[in-house]
């Protein structure tokens, strides 16, 4: 029974993320974009230096 709850939550999570992606209508993030976002997060919001 609990496994159905977990599956339901995971399914809703995926559906919400797909809906957000579809609503943005943008290209998927490249590896460089993800690296910049991670670096900015780790630096407290500052963009990475090139």
PDB file of N, CA and C in Angstrom:
ATOM      1  N   UNK A   1       0.823  -1.200   0.000  1.00  0.00           N
ATOM      2  CA  UNK A   1       0.000   0.000   0.000  1.00  0.00           C
ATOM      3  C   UNK A   1       0.864   1.259   0.000  1.00  0.00           C
ATOM      4  N   UNK A   2       1.868   1.272   0.838  1.00  0.00           N
ATOM      5  CA  UNK A   2       2.765   2.432   0.884  1.00  0.00           C
ATOM      6  C   UNK A   2       3.506   2.581  -0.440  1.00  0.00           C
ATOM      7  N   UNK A   3       3.811   1.461  -1.089  1.00  0.00           N
ATOM      8  CA  UNK A   3       4.522   1.544  -2.370  1.00  0.00           C
ATOM      9  C   UNK A   3       3.681   2.257  -3.420  1.00  0.00           C
ATOM     10  N   UNK A   4       2.350   2.089  -3.364  1.00  0.00           N
ATOM     11  CA  UNK A   4       1.492   2.813  -4.296  1.00  0.00           C
ATOM     12  C   UNK A   4       1.526   4.311  -4.035  1.00  0.00           C
ATOM     13  N   UNK A   5       1.614   4.686  -2.786  1.00  0.00           N
ATOM     14  CA  UNK A   5       1.713   6.106  -2.441  1.00  0.00           C
ATOM     15  C   UNK A   5       3.020   6.679  -2.981  1.00  0.00           C
ATOM     16  N   UNK A   6       4.102   5.941  -2.803  1.00  0.00           N
ATOM     17  CA  UNK A   6       5.408   6.394  -3.294  1.00  0.00           C
ATOM     18  C   UNK A   6       5.386   6.503  -4.813  1.00  0.00           C
ATOM     19  N   UNK A   7       4.822   5.516  -5.478  1.00  0.00           N
ATOM     20  CA  UNK A   7       4.723   5.568  -6.942  1.00  0.00           C
ATOM     21  C   UNK A   7       3.861   6.754  -7.392  1.00  0.00           C
ATOM     22  N   UNK A   8       2.780   7.017  -6.677  1.00  0.00           N
ATOM     23  CA  UNK A   8       1.916   8.140  -7.024  1.00  0.00           C
ATOM     24  C   UNK A   8       2.619   9.474  -6.879  1.00  0.00           C
ATOM     25  N   UNK A   9       3.366   9.627  -5.802  1.00  0.00           N
ATOM     26  CA  UNK A   9       4.109  10.865  -5.579  1.00  0.00           C
ATOM     27  C   UNK A   9       5.178  11.038  -6.651  1.00  0.00           C
ATOM     28  N   UNK A  10       5.896   9.965  -6.979  1.00  0.00           N
ATOM     29  CA  UNK A  10       6.931  10.037  -8.012  1.00  0.00           C
ATOM     30  C   UNK A  10       6.307  10.388  -9.366  1.00  0.00           C
ATOM     31  N   UNK A  11       5.152   9.799  -9.658  1.00  0.00           N
ATOM     32  CA  UNK A  11       4.476  10.074 -10.922  1.00  0.00           C
ATOM     33  C   UNK A  11       4.069  11.546 -10.996  1.00  0.00           C
ATOM     34  N   UNK A  12       3.486  12.070  -9.919  1.00  0.00           N
ATOM     35  CA  UNK A  12       3.093  13.481  -9.905  1.00  0.00           C
ATOM     36  C   UNK A  12       4.300  14.396 -10.049  1.00  0.00           C
ATOM     37  N   UNK A  13       5.409  14.037  -9.411  1.00  0.00           N
ATOM     38  CA  UNK A  13       6.639  14.818  -9.515  1.00  0.00           C
ATOM     39  C   UNK A  13       7.097  14.902 -10.970  1.00  0.00           C
ATOM     40  N   UNK A  14       7.091  13.768 -11.652  1.00  0.00           N
ATOM     41  CA  UNK A  14       7.522  13.738 -13.059  1.00  0.00           C
ATOM     42  C   UNK A  14       6.560  14.539 -13.923  1.00  0.00           C
ATOM     43  N   UNK A  15       5.270  14.378 -13.706  1.00  0.00           N
ATOM     44  CA  UNK A  15       4.280  15.099 -14.511  1.00  0.00           C
ATOM     45  C   UNK A  15       4.421  16.607 -14.316  1.00  0.00           C
ATOM     46  N   UNK A  16       4.630  17.037 -13.080  1.00  0.00           N
ATOM     47  CA  UNK A  16       4.792  18.473 -12.820  1.00  0.00           C
ATOM     48  C   UNK A  16       6.034  19.010 -13.511  1.00  0.00           C
ATOM     49  N   UNK A  17       7.126  18.260 -13.459  1.00  0.00           N
ATOM     50  CA  UNK A  17       8.348  18.740 -14.110  1.00  0.00           C
ATOM     51  C   UNK A  17       8.218  18.763 -15.622  1.00  0.00           C
ATOM     52  N   UNK A  18       7.519  17.805 -16.185  1.00  0.00           N
ATOM     53  CA  UNK A  18       7.283  17.816 -17.632  1.00  0.00           C
ATOM     54  C   UNK A  18       6.404  19.010 -18.002  1.00  0.00           C
ATOM     55  N   UNK A  19       5.403  19.298 -17.186  1.00  0.00           N
ATOM     56  CA  UNK A  19       4.528  20.442 -17.462  1.00  0.00           C
ATOM     57  C   UNK A  19       5.300  21.751 -17.380  1.00  0.00           C
ATOM     58  N   UNK A  20       6.170  21.871 -16.402  1.00  0.00           N
ATOM     59  CA  UNK A  20       6.993  23.081 -16.283  1.00  0.00           C
ATOM     60  C   UNK A  20       7.905  23.219 -17.501  1.00  0.00           C
ATOM     61  N   UNK A  21       8.521  22.107 -17.915  1.00  0.00           N
ATOM     62  CA  UNK A  21       9.398  22.146 -19.088  1.00  0.00           C
ATOM     63  C   UNK A  21       8.617  22.543 -20.336  1.00  0.00           C
ATOM     64  N   UNK A  22       7.425  21.975 -20.497  1.00  0.00           N
ATOM     65  CA  UNK A  22       6.610  22.277 -21.678  1.00  0.00           C
ATOM     66  C   UNK A  22       6.152  23.731 -21.666  1.00  0.00           C
ATOM     67  N   UNK A  23       5.872  24.264 -20.486  1.00  0.00           N
ATOM     68  CA  UNK A  23       5.400  25.639 -20.427  1.00  0.00           C
ATOM     69  C   UNK A  23       6.514  26.630 -20.730  1.00  0.00           C
ATOM     70  N   UNK A  24       7.738  26.262 -20.453  1.00  0.00           N
ATOM     71  CA  UNK A  24       8.866  27.155 -20.737  1.00  0.00           C
ATOM     72  C   UNK A  24       9.183  27.217 -22.219  1.00  0.00           C
ATOM     73  N   UNK A  25       8.977  26.097 -22.931  1.00  0.00           N
ATOM     74  CA  UNK A  25       9.279  26.022 -24.365  1.00  0.00           C
ATOM     75  C   UNK A  25      10.696  26.469 -24.650  1.00  0.00           C
ATOM     76  N   UNK A  26      11.638  25.894 -23.943  1.00  0.00           N
ATOM     77  CA  UNK A  26      13.040  26.258 -24.146  1.00  0.00           C
ATOM     78  C   UNK A  26      13.862  24.994 -24.346  1.00  0.00           C
ATOM     79  N   UNK A  27      15.068  25.191 -24.825  1.00  0.00           N
ATOM     80  CA  UNK A  27      15.956  24.059 -25.040  1.00  0.00           C
ATOM     81  C   UNK A  27      16.436  23.510 -23.703  1.00  0.00           C
ATOM     82  N   UNK A  28      16.721  22.221 -23.644  1.00  0.00           N
ATOM     83  CA  UNK A  28      17.255  21.663 -22.398  1.00  0.00           C
ATOM     84  C   UNK A  28      18.590  22.311 -22.046  1.00  0.00           C
ATOM     85  N   UNK A  29      18.899  22.324 -20.775  1.00  0.00           N
ATOM     86  CA  UNK A  29      20.150  22.920 -20.330  1.00  0.00           C
ATOM     87  C   UNK A  29      21.333  22.084 -20.810  1.00  0.00           C
ATOM     88  N   UNK A  30      22.365  22.775 -21.240  1.00  0.00           N
ATOM     89  CA  UNK A  30      23.591  22.074 -21.609  1.00  0.00           C
ATOM     90  C   UNK A  30      24.403  21.812 -20.354  1.00  0.00           C
ATOM     91  N   UNK A  31      25.432  21.021 -20.502  1.00  0.00           N
ATOM     92  CA  UNK A  31      26.290  20.720 -19.350  1.00  0.00           C
ATOM     93  C   UNK A  31      26.939  21.990 -18.805  1.00  0.00           C
ATOM     94  N   UNK A  32      27.336  22.901 -19.715  1.00  0.00           N
ATOM     95  CA  UNK A  32      27.945  24.159 -19.287  1.00  0.00           C
ATOM     96  C   UNK A  32      26.954  25.011 -18.489  1.00  0.00           C
ATOM     97  N   UNK A  33      25.683  25.039 -18.929  1.00  0.00           N
ATOM     98  CA  UNK A  33      24.670  25.792 -18.201  1.00  0.00           C
ATOM     99  C   UNK A  33      24.483  25.232 -16.793  1.00  0.00           C
ATOM    100  N   UNK A  34      24.448  23.904 -16.687  1.00  0.00           N
ATOM    101  CA  UNK A  34      24.290  23.284 -15.374  1.00  0.00           C
ATOM    102  C   UNK A  34      25.494  23.569 -14.488  1.00  0.00           C
ATOM    103  N   UNK A  35      26.698  23.539 -15.081  1.00  0.00           N
ATOM    104  CA  UNK A  35      27.906  23.842 -14.308  1.00  0.00           C
ATOM    105  C   UNK A  35      27.873  25.275 -13.785  1.00  0.00           C
ATOM    106  N   UNK A  36      27.434  26.228 -14.633  1.00  0.00           N
ATOM    107  CA  UNK A  36      27.353  27.618 -14.213  1.00  0.00           C
ATOM    108  C   UNK A  36      26.330  27.798 -13.097  1.00  0.00           C
ATOM    109  N   UNK A  37      25.180  27.123 -13.213  1.00  0.00           N
ATOM    110  CA  UNK A  37      24.160  27.232 -12.175  1.00  0.00           C
ATOM    111  C   UNK A  37      24.663  26.648 -10.862  1.00  0.00           C
ATOM    112  N   UNK A  38      25.357  25.498 -10.924  1.00  0.00           N
ATOM    113  CA  UNK A  38      25.884  24.883  -9.715  1.00  0.00           C
ATOM    114  C   UNK A  38      26.942  25.766  -9.074  1.00  0.00           C
ATOM    115  N   UNK A  39      27.812  26.322  -9.891  1.00  0.00           N
ATOM    116  CA  UNK A  39      28.855  27.202  -9.369  1.00  0.00           C
ATOM    117  C   UNK A  39      28.242  28.448  -8.741  1.00  0.00           C
ATOM    118  N   UNK A  40      27.211  29.000  -9.383  1.00  0.00           N
ATOM    119  CA  UNK A  40      26.543  30.176  -8.830  1.00  0.00           C
ATOM    120  C   UNK A  40      25.887  29.842  -7.499  1.00  0.00           C
ATOM    121  N   UNK A  41      25.299  28.649  -7.399  1.00  0.00           N
ATOM    122  CA  UNK A  41      24.677  28.243  -6.138  1.00  0.00           C
ATOM    123  C   UNK A  41      25.713  28.088  -5.051  1.00  0.00           C
ATOM    124  N   UNK A  42      26.821  27.458  -5.383  1.00  0.00           N
ATOM    125  CA  UNK A  42      27.865  27.240  -4.391  1.00  0.00           C
ATOM    126  C   UNK A  42      28.544  28.546  -3.965  1.00  0.00           C
ATOM    127  N   UNK A  43      28.539  29.552  -4.851  1.00  0.00           N
ATOM    128  CA  UNK A  43      29.147  30.842  -4.544  1.00  0.00           C
ATOM    129  C   UNK A  43      28.155  31.808  -3.913  1.00  0.00           C
ATOM    130  N   UNK A  44      26.989  31.321  -3.568  1.00  0.00           N
ATOM    131  CA  UNK A  44      26.000  32.198  -2.929  1.00  0.00           C
ATOM    132  C   UNK A  44      25.256  33.079  -3.900  1.00  0.00           C
ATOM    133  N   UNK A  45      25.121  32.662  -5.143  1.00  0.00           N
ATOM    134  CA  UNK A  45      24.343  33.411  -6.120  1.00  0.00           C
ATOM    135  C   UNK A  45      25.166  34.187  -7.119  1.00  0.00           C
ATOM    136  N   UNK A  46      26.473  34.253  -6.915  1.00  0.00           N
ATOM    137  CA  UNK A  46      27.328  34.973  -7.871  1.00  0.00           C
ATOM    138  C   UNK A  46      27.564  34.111  -9.088  1.00  0.00           C
ATOM    139  N   UNK A  47      27.595  34.755 -10.257  1.00  0.00           N
ATOM    140  CA  UNK A  47      27.919  34.033 -11.474  1.00  0.00           C
ATOM    141  C   UNK A  47      29.368  33.603 -11.458  1.00  0.00           C
ATOM    142  N   UNK A  48      29.643  32.484 -12.122  1.00  0.00           N
ATOM    143  CA  UNK A  48      31.014  32.015 -12.198  1.00  0.00           C
ATOM    144  C   UNK A  48      31.867  32.913 -13.058  1.00  0.00           C
ATOM    145  N   UNK A  49      33.138  32.983 -12.725  1.00  0.00           N
ATOM    146  CA  UNK A  49      34.057  33.800 -13.522  1.00  0.00           C
ATOM    147  C   UNK A  49      34.554  32.982 -14.696  1.00  0.00           C
ATOM    148  N   UNK A  50      34.569  33.611 -15.851  1.00  0.00           N
ATOM    149  CA  UNK A  50      35.039  32.924 -17.068  1.00  0.00           C
ATOM    150  C   UNK A  50      36.513  33.171 -17.258  1.00  0.00           C
TER     151      UNK A  50
END
